[in-house]
Amino acid sequence: MEKLGCPDGIDDELWKPGAAHELKPYAAAGKDNSGCQVSWIRGGGKVSKEEERNHCHACVMQLLSTHADPVTLRNGLSFIIDISGQDMEKEPKVGNEKLIQSFYQALPQRPQVILIAGTSLITRTFINASIKLASLFIKQKILQRISFVSVEDAKSTLPLKSAPVYVGGMGGGIENYEEWVKERLEMLPKPEL
C-alpha cells in the first residue's frame, strides 16, 4: 500500500470521508439468493495518480462493509463486474494499472460466483488471456467460478430487489451507497487494544 500513497496502511478509523467519492464504481446491490451480499462493480475506469490513496481506502471500506454480515463473511459473496459501455482499448493508460491490479488481487475476497458482464469479443479475448496467465497462481475452483454473461443475465441471477437500480433493480433498498458503507463499517466490532 505504500506505493499507492498509504505508507501507514489502515488505521482504526475505517470510514474515510475524503475517500468516499472513490466508491463511485460500486453499484448499490442487495443480497443474492443465498443471502450473501453482492458486490457489483461498474468496471473499466482508471485511477489517477492523485487519487491512488483515496481509491485504496475506498476499496478497503467497500470490502469490509460488504463482508460486515456473518452470512457473507462465512459463505462469500457474488462478485459482478459490469464492463458494458466501457471501451478499455481506447482509454489512455495512466501508468499505475499494474500496481492498482496488484492491490485488487491482494484484497481477500471470497467470491462464490464471478460474473463478467457486457464484454465485447476483443475485451473477452484480453480477459481470457489474463485469466490464463493467472491460472498459474490461482486455484482451479476459483477459475471455474468465472463466467462471461450479458448484463441482463447477471441481473437475472439476483432477486430483482437486489439488482442495481441502473439495470432495472431496486438496489437492495440502499438509497445512499456511501451512507450504507459508513453504517456497515460502524457495525464491525473493534477489539480493545
Protein backbone atom coordinates (compact mmCIF):
# COMPACT_ATOMS: atom_id res chain seq x y z
CA MET A 1 0.00 0.00 0.00
CA GLU A 2 2.99 2.26 0.45
CA LYS A 3 3.45 2.62 -3.31
CA LEU A 4 -0.20 3.70 -3.55
CA GLY A 5 0.20 6.58 -1.09
CA CYS A 6 -0.77 4.65 2.06
CA PRO A 7 2.53 4.13 3.90
CA ASP A 8 0.65 4.00 7.21
CA GLY A 9 -1.69 1.25 5.97
CA ILE A 10 -5.15 1.14 7.51
CA ASP A 11 -5.82 2.69 10.89
CA ASP A 12 -8.70 2.17 13.32
CA GLU A 13 -10.85 4.81 11.60
CA LEU A 14 -12.35 2.66 8.86
CA TRP A 15 -14.64 5.35 7.39
CA LYS A 16 -12.59 7.82 5.37
CA PRO A 17 -14.90 10.68 4.28
CA GLY A 18 -12.23 12.07 1.96
CA ALA A 19 -12.18 8.78 0.04
CA ALA A 20 -15.96 8.30 -0.22
CA HIS A 21 -16.08 9.75 -3.75
CA GLU A 22 -13.94 6.80 -4.91
CA LEU A 23 -16.85 4.45 -4.11
CA LYS A 24 -18.44 5.56 -7.41
CA PRO A 25 -17.59 2.35 -9.34
CA TYR A 26 -19.64 0.30 -6.86
CA ALA A 27 -23.34 0.00 -7.58
CA ALA A 28 -25.70 -0.42 -4.66
CA ALA A 29 -26.89 -4.03 -4.67
CA GLY A 30 -28.56 -6.29 -2.14
CA LYS A 31 -28.15 -9.96 -1.38
CA ASP A 32 -28.09 -12.95 -3.70
CA ASN A 33 -30.42 -15.93 -3.46
CA SER A 34 -28.20 -17.47 -0.76
CA GLY A 35 -28.45 -14.42 1.48
CA CYS A 36 -24.89 -13.28 0.72
CA GLN A 37 -24.04 -9.72 -0.21
CA VAL A 38 -23.49 -8.80 -3.86
CA SER A 39 -20.50 -6.72 -4.90
CA TRP A 40 -21.46 -5.13 -8.26
CA ILE A 41 -18.74 -3.04 -9.88
CA ARG A 42 -19.05 -0.85 -12.94
CA GLY A 43 -15.57 -1.59 -14.26
CA GLY A 44 -13.23 -0.15 -16.79
CA GLY A 45 -12.43 3.17 -15.13
CA LYS A 46 -8.93 4.43 -14.48
CA VAL A 47 -7.49 5.70 -11.20
CA SER A 48 -5.48 8.90 -11.42
CA LYS A 49 -2.17 9.01 -9.57
CA GLU A 50 -3.58 11.79 -7.35
CA GLU A 51 -6.46 9.54 -6.27
CA GLU A 52 -4.50 6.34 -5.55
CA ARG A 53 -4.65 6.76 -1.75
CA ASN A 54 -8.36 7.56 -1.75
CA HIS A 55 -9.04 4.69 -4.13
CA CYS A 56 -7.24 2.22 -1.85
CA HIS A 57 -9.17 3.45 1.16
CA ALA A 58 -12.47 3.23 -0.75
CA CYS A 59 -11.70 -0.35 -1.83
CA VAL A 60 -10.96 -1.40 1.74
CA MET A 61 -14.10 0.38 3.00
CA GLN A 62 -16.18 -1.41 0.38
CA LEU A 63 -14.59 -4.79 1.11
CA LEU A 64 -15.17 -4.52 4.85
CA SER A 65 -18.71 -3.16 4.53
CA THR A 66 -19.69 -5.88 2.08
CA HIS A 67 -18.41 -8.55 4.46
CA ALA A 68 -19.93 -6.97 7.60
CA ASP A 69 -22.68 -9.57 7.98
CA PRO A 70 -21.97 -13.11 9.23
CA VAL A 71 -23.57 -14.90 6.24
CA THR A 72 -21.37 -13.16 3.67
CA LEU A 73 -18.32 -13.41 5.90
CA ARG A 74 -18.79 -17.17 6.22
CA ASN A 75 -20.10 -18.09 2.75
CA GLY A 76 -18.60 -15.47 0.45
CA LEU A 77 -20.27 -13.10 -1.99
CA SER A 78 -21.46 -12.76 -5.55
CA PHE A 79 -18.94 -10.66 -7.46
CA ILE A 80 -20.22 -8.99 -10.63
CA ILE A 81 -18.14 -6.75 -12.86
CA ASP A 82 -20.12 -4.82 -15.48
CA ILE A 83 -17.87 -3.59 -18.26
CA SER A 84 -20.63 -2.86 -20.74
CA GLY A 85 -20.29 0.60 -22.21
CA GLN A 86 -16.58 0.69 -21.39
CA ASP A 87 -14.06 0.91 -24.18
CA MET A 88 -10.94 -0.36 -22.46
CA GLU A 89 -8.94 -0.39 -25.67
CA LYS A 90 -9.37 3.36 -26.28
CA GLU A 91 -8.83 4.68 -22.74
CA PRO A 92 -5.33 6.13 -22.31
CA LYS A 93 -3.15 4.42 -19.75
CA VAL A 94 -2.38 6.24 -16.52
CA GLY A 95 0.77 4.24 -15.76
CA ASN A 96 -0.38 2.73 -12.47
CA GLU A 97 -2.64 -0.02 -13.84
CA LYS A 98 -0.33 -2.88 -12.86
CA LEU A 99 0.09 -1.51 -9.34
CA ILE A 100 -3.68 -0.99 -8.90
CA GLN A 101 -4.35 -4.52 -10.22
CA SER A 102 -1.83 -5.95 -7.73
CA PHE A 103 -3.68 -4.13 -4.94
CA TYR A 104 -7.04 -5.56 -6.08
CA GLN A 105 -5.58 -9.07 -6.13
CA ALA A 106 -4.27 -8.66 -2.58
CA LEU A 107 -7.76 -7.97 -1.20
CA PRO A 108 -9.13 -11.12 0.46
CA GLN A 109 -12.33 -11.71 -1.49
CA ARG A 110 -14.38 -14.91 -1.09
CA PRO A 111 -16.39 -14.97 -4.31
CA GLN A 112 -18.85 -17.79 -4.79
CA VAL A 113 -19.51 -16.61 -8.31
CA ILE A 114 -17.65 -14.15 -10.53
CA LEU A 115 -19.69 -12.77 -13.40
CA ILE A 116 -18.06 -10.56 -16.01
CA ALA A 117 -20.92 -8.81 -17.76
CA GLY A 118 -21.13 -6.93 -21.03
CA THR A 119 -17.85 -7.91 -22.67
CA SER A 120 -17.06 -7.43 -26.33
CA LEU A 121 -15.15 -10.10 -28.25
CA ILE A 122 -11.94 -8.06 -28.01
CA THR A 123 -12.35 -7.48 -24.27
CA ARG A 124 -13.24 -11.13 -23.67
CA THR A 125 -10.07 -12.19 -25.52
CA PHE A 126 -7.99 -9.83 -23.37
CA ILE A 127 -9.63 -11.07 -20.15
CA ASN A 128 -9.25 -14.73 -21.18
CA ALA A 129 -5.54 -14.16 -21.74
CA SER A 130 -5.26 -12.55 -18.30
CA ILE A 131 -7.15 -15.47 -16.73
CA LYS A 132 -4.89 -17.96 -18.50
CA LEU A 133 -1.86 -16.19 -17.05
CA ALA A 134 -3.50 -16.02 -13.61
CA SER A 135 -4.30 -19.75 -13.75
CA LEU A 136 -0.66 -20.39 -12.88
CA PHE A 137 -1.27 -18.78 -9.48
CA ILE A 138 -5.00 -19.26 -8.77
CA LYS A 139 -6.78 -22.41 -7.69
CA GLN A 140 -8.81 -24.16 -10.37
CA LYS A 141 -12.03 -23.97 -8.31
CA ILE A 142 -11.82 -20.16 -8.39
CA LEU A 143 -11.31 -20.16 -12.15
CA GLN A 144 -14.39 -22.37 -12.56
CA ARG A 145 -16.49 -19.70 -10.84
CA ILE A 146 -15.77 -17.12 -13.57
CA SER A 147 -18.42 -16.70 -16.26
CA PHE A 148 -18.94 -14.24 -19.09
CA VAL A 149 -22.56 -13.12 -19.22
CA SER A 150 -24.73 -10.32 -20.53
CA VAL A 151 -25.78 -7.60 -18.10
CA GLU A 152 -29.33 -8.97 -18.32
CA ASP A 153 -28.09 -12.46 -17.40
CA ALA A 154 -26.15 -11.05 -14.44
CA LYS A 155 -29.27 -9.21 -13.29
CA SER A 156 -31.38 -12.36 -13.61
CA THR A 157 -29.09 -14.28 -11.21
CA LEU A 158 -30.29 -12.00 -8.39
CA PRO A 159 -33.65 -11.19 -6.87
CA LEU A 160 -34.98 -8.07 -8.66
CA LYS A 161 -34.92 -6.14 -5.38
CA SER A 162 -31.16 -6.79 -5.11
CA ALA A 163 -30.05 -5.79 -8.61
CA PRO A 164 -28.65 -2.26 -9.05
CA VAL A 165 -31.10 0.47 -9.97
CA TYR A 166 -29.25 1.33 -13.21
CA VAL A 167 -30.06 -2.14 -14.59
CA GLY A 168 -33.71 -2.03 -13.51
CA GLY A 169 -33.44 -3.44 -10.00
CA MET A 170 -34.14 -1.89 -6.62
CA GLY A 171 -30.53 -1.63 -5.43
CA GLY A 172 -31.12 -3.78 -2.37
CA GLY A 173 -33.15 -0.94 -0.86
CA ILE A 174 -29.97 1.12 -0.47
CA GLU A 175 -30.76 4.78 -1.11
CA ASN A 176 -27.30 6.22 -0.48
CA TYR A 177 -24.37 3.85 -1.05
CA GLU A 178 -21.84 5.99 0.84
CA GLU A 179 -24.11 6.09 3.92
CA TRP A 180 -24.71 2.34 3.64
CA VAL A 181 -20.94 1.70 3.62
CA LYS A 182 -20.45 4.02 6.60
CA GLU A 183 -23.24 2.30 8.59
CA ARG A 184 -21.89 -1.17 7.82
CA LEU A 185 -18.39 -0.14 8.88
CA GLU A 186 -19.80 1.14 12.18
CA MET A 187 -21.36 -2.31 12.73
CA LEU A 188 -17.97 -4.01 12.75
CA PRO A 189 -16.71 -4.83 16.24
CA LYS A 190 -13.44 -3.18 17.22
CA PRO A 191 -11.28 -5.08 19.68
CA GLU A 192 -9.87 -3.24 22.67
CA LEU A 193 -6.11 -2.97 22.37
